[in-house]
Protein backbone atom coordinates (compact mmCIF):
# COMPACT_ATOMS: atom_id res chain seq x y z
CA MET A 1 73.27 -48.71 -2.97
CA THR A 2 74.79 -52.00 -1.12
CA GLU A 3 73.07 -55.13 -1.70
CA PHE A 4 70.84 -57.24 1.04
CA THR A 5 72.04 -60.11 1.90
CA PRO A 6 69.08 -60.90 4.96
CA PHE A 7 70.89 -64.33 7.05
CA MET A 8 74.56 -62.09 7.17
CA SER A 9 71.98 -58.84 8.20
CA LEU A 10 70.96 -62.09 10.82
CA ALA A 11 73.76 -63.19 12.27
CA GLY A 12 75.33 -59.71 12.77
CA GLY A 13 71.66 -58.61 14.40
CA ALA A 14 72.24 -61.84 16.96
CA LEU A 15 76.13 -61.10 17.42
CA ILE A 16 74.98 -58.01 17.81
CA GLY A 17 72.83 -58.41 20.26
CA LEU A 18 74.89 -61.88 22.27
CA ALA A 19 77.88 -59.43 23.08
CA ALA A 20 75.28 -56.91 24.45
CA VAL A 21 74.43 -59.20 26.65
CA LEU A 22 77.07 -61.00 27.34
CA LEU A 23 78.85 -57.65 28.91
CA MET A 24 75.72 -56.59 30.97
CA ALA A 25 75.62 -59.99 31.96
CA LEU A 26 78.65 -60.37 33.02
CA HIS A 27 80.67 -57.09 33.40
CA GLY A 28 77.18 -54.78 34.38
CA ARG A 29 78.12 -52.70 31.30
CA ILE A 30 76.37 -51.37 28.10
CA ALA A 31 77.63 -52.09 24.58
CA GLY A 32 77.54 -48.12 23.89
CA ILE A 33 80.55 -47.76 21.28
CA SER A 34 80.67 -43.92 22.40
CA GLY A 35 80.79 -44.90 26.55
CA ILE A 36 83.82 -47.89 25.31
CA VAL A 37 85.86 -45.50 23.30
CA GLY A 38 86.17 -43.12 26.30
CA GLY A 39 87.44 -44.98 28.72
CA ILE A 40 90.08 -46.20 26.37
CA VAL A 41 91.41 -42.40 25.34
CA PRO A 42 93.75 -40.91 27.27
CA PRO A 43 93.07 -39.98 30.93
CA LEU A 44 92.35 -44.59 31.19
CA ALA A 45 89.26 -45.65 32.98
CA ALA A 46 89.81 -48.40 35.21
CA ASP A 47 87.95 -50.85 33.88
CA TRP A 48 90.37 -49.99 29.62
CA GLY A 49 90.89 -53.68 29.54
CA TRP A 50 87.96 -55.81 28.93
CA ARG A 51 86.81 -51.92 26.51
CA ALA A 52 89.75 -52.41 25.49
CA ALA A 53 88.51 -56.42 24.80
CA PHE A 54 85.74 -55.55 23.97
CA LEU A 55 86.62 -52.41 20.36
CA ALA A 56 89.87 -54.98 19.70
CA GLY A 57 86.79 -57.84 19.35
CA ALA A 58 84.44 -55.77 17.30
CA ILE A 59 87.41 -55.05 14.99
CA ALA A 60 88.89 -58.47 14.38
CA ALA A 61 84.98 -60.31 13.34
CA PRO A 62 84.80 -59.20 10.41
CA ALA A 63 88.01 -59.09 9.26
CA LEU A 64 87.43 -62.66 10.58
CA ILE A 65 84.36 -62.69 8.98
CA ILE A 66 86.02 -62.27 5.62
CA ALA A 67 88.61 -64.61 6.32
CA LEU A 68 86.72 -67.10 6.62
CA THR A 69 84.00 -66.68 3.82
CA GLY A 70 85.67 -64.78 1.70
CA HIS A 71 82.47 -62.20 2.04
CA LYS A 72 83.52 -58.60 1.48
CA ILE A 73 80.93 -55.04 1.69
CA ALA A 74 81.50 -52.97 -1.00
CA PHE A 75 81.70 -49.53 0.43
CA SER A 76 82.00 -46.57 -0.83
CA SER A 77 80.44 -42.50 -0.37
CA PRO A 78 79.57 -40.02 -2.74
CA ALA A 79 80.77 -37.31 0.08
CA ALA A 80 84.08 -36.01 -0.24
CA THR A 81 86.49 -36.10 3.18
CA PRO A 82 86.09 -33.43 4.50
CA TRP A 83 82.13 -33.72 4.32
CA LEU A 84 82.80 -37.42 5.86
CA ILE A 85 85.04 -35.78 8.59
CA VAL A 86 82.26 -32.70 9.52
CA GLY A 87 79.21 -35.06 10.05
CA GLY A 88 82.12 -37.14 12.58
CA LEU A 89 82.29 -34.78 14.44
CA ILE A 90 79.00 -33.18 14.56
CA VAL A 91 77.75 -36.43 15.49
CA GLY A 92 80.84 -36.65 18.08
CA VAL A 93 78.69 -33.13 19.21
CA GLY A 94 75.18 -35.13 19.79
CA VAL A 95 76.90 -37.68 21.09
CA THR A 96 77.83 -35.98 23.80
CA ILE A 97 74.38 -33.64 23.85
CA GLY A 98 72.20 -37.52 23.85
CA ALA A 99 74.61 -39.02 26.25
CA GLY A 100 75.37 -42.27 24.70
CA CYS A 101 74.95 -43.34 21.32
CA THR A 102 72.66 -45.12 18.22
CA SER A 103 74.46 -48.72 20.47
CA GLY A 104 74.17 -47.49 23.86
CA HIS A 105 70.64 -46.61 23.38
CA GLY A 106 69.25 -47.97 20.63
CA VAL A 107 70.15 -51.59 21.27
CA CYS A 108 70.80 -51.80 24.97
CA GLY A 109 68.39 -48.85 25.98
CA ILE A 110 65.46 -49.56 24.44
CA ALA A 111 65.90 -53.31 25.05
CA ARG A 112 66.14 -52.32 29.00
CA LEU A 113 62.47 -50.41 28.27
CA SER A 114 64.37 -47.07 28.92
CA VAL A 115 62.18 -43.61 28.13
CA ARG A 116 65.42 -41.85 28.18
CA SER A 117 67.03 -44.20 24.90
CA LEU A 118 63.55 -44.64 23.76
CA ALA A 119 63.72 -40.50 22.99
CA ALA A 120 67.16 -40.42 22.32
CA THR A 121 66.45 -42.95 19.44
CA LEU A 122 63.74 -41.41 18.32
CA THR A 123 65.32 -38.38 18.11
CA PHE A 124 68.42 -39.49 16.11
CA MET A 125 66.26 -41.69 13.91
CA LEU A 126 64.02 -38.54 13.07
CA THR A 127 66.90 -36.21 12.14
CA THR A 128 68.40 -38.61 10.44
CA GLY A 129 65.38 -38.57 8.05
CA VAL A 130 65.21 -34.64 7.92
CA THR A 131 68.72 -34.62 7.47
CA VAL A 132 69.06 -37.11 4.25
CA TYR A 133 65.65 -35.08 2.71
CA VAL A 134 67.26 -31.56 3.20
CA VAL A 135 70.82 -33.42 1.56
CA ARG A 136 69.02 -35.43 -1.26
CA HIS A 137 65.99 -33.43 -2.27
CA ILE A 138 66.45 -29.66 -0.69
CA ALA A 139 70.44 -28.69 -1.43
CA GLY A 140 70.61 -31.18 -5.06
CA GLY A 141 73.20 -33.78 -3.06
CA LEU A 142 77.30 -32.93 -2.08
């Protein structure tokens, strides 16, 4: 389990919201990570520059927080690496089928009152809950 940190969580959520609003206001684009990453994987999108800058900021920001505050979040996973890879591939398929990811649909789409994004978000949240229940209580965990 991780320790809940209300201030850091609130600050992180506010920064995510601010980044989403600024990206929409300045570039007219939705801050969906799968779409942003898709534009920097060859063949490069014509607007790959802002995509690369956005991803660089997403990587650099936690490093900056650690450097400024010394606050590190411990992370460990009981799942073996091959299961993590399989899970990542399944998520990639889901992102493709769902035409977007949790950040695109869940953060930006719901904020825009998109019915499609609301349906997508409900679908992946329910699927996550069912998956956790099945893995922990029926399959006996990993």
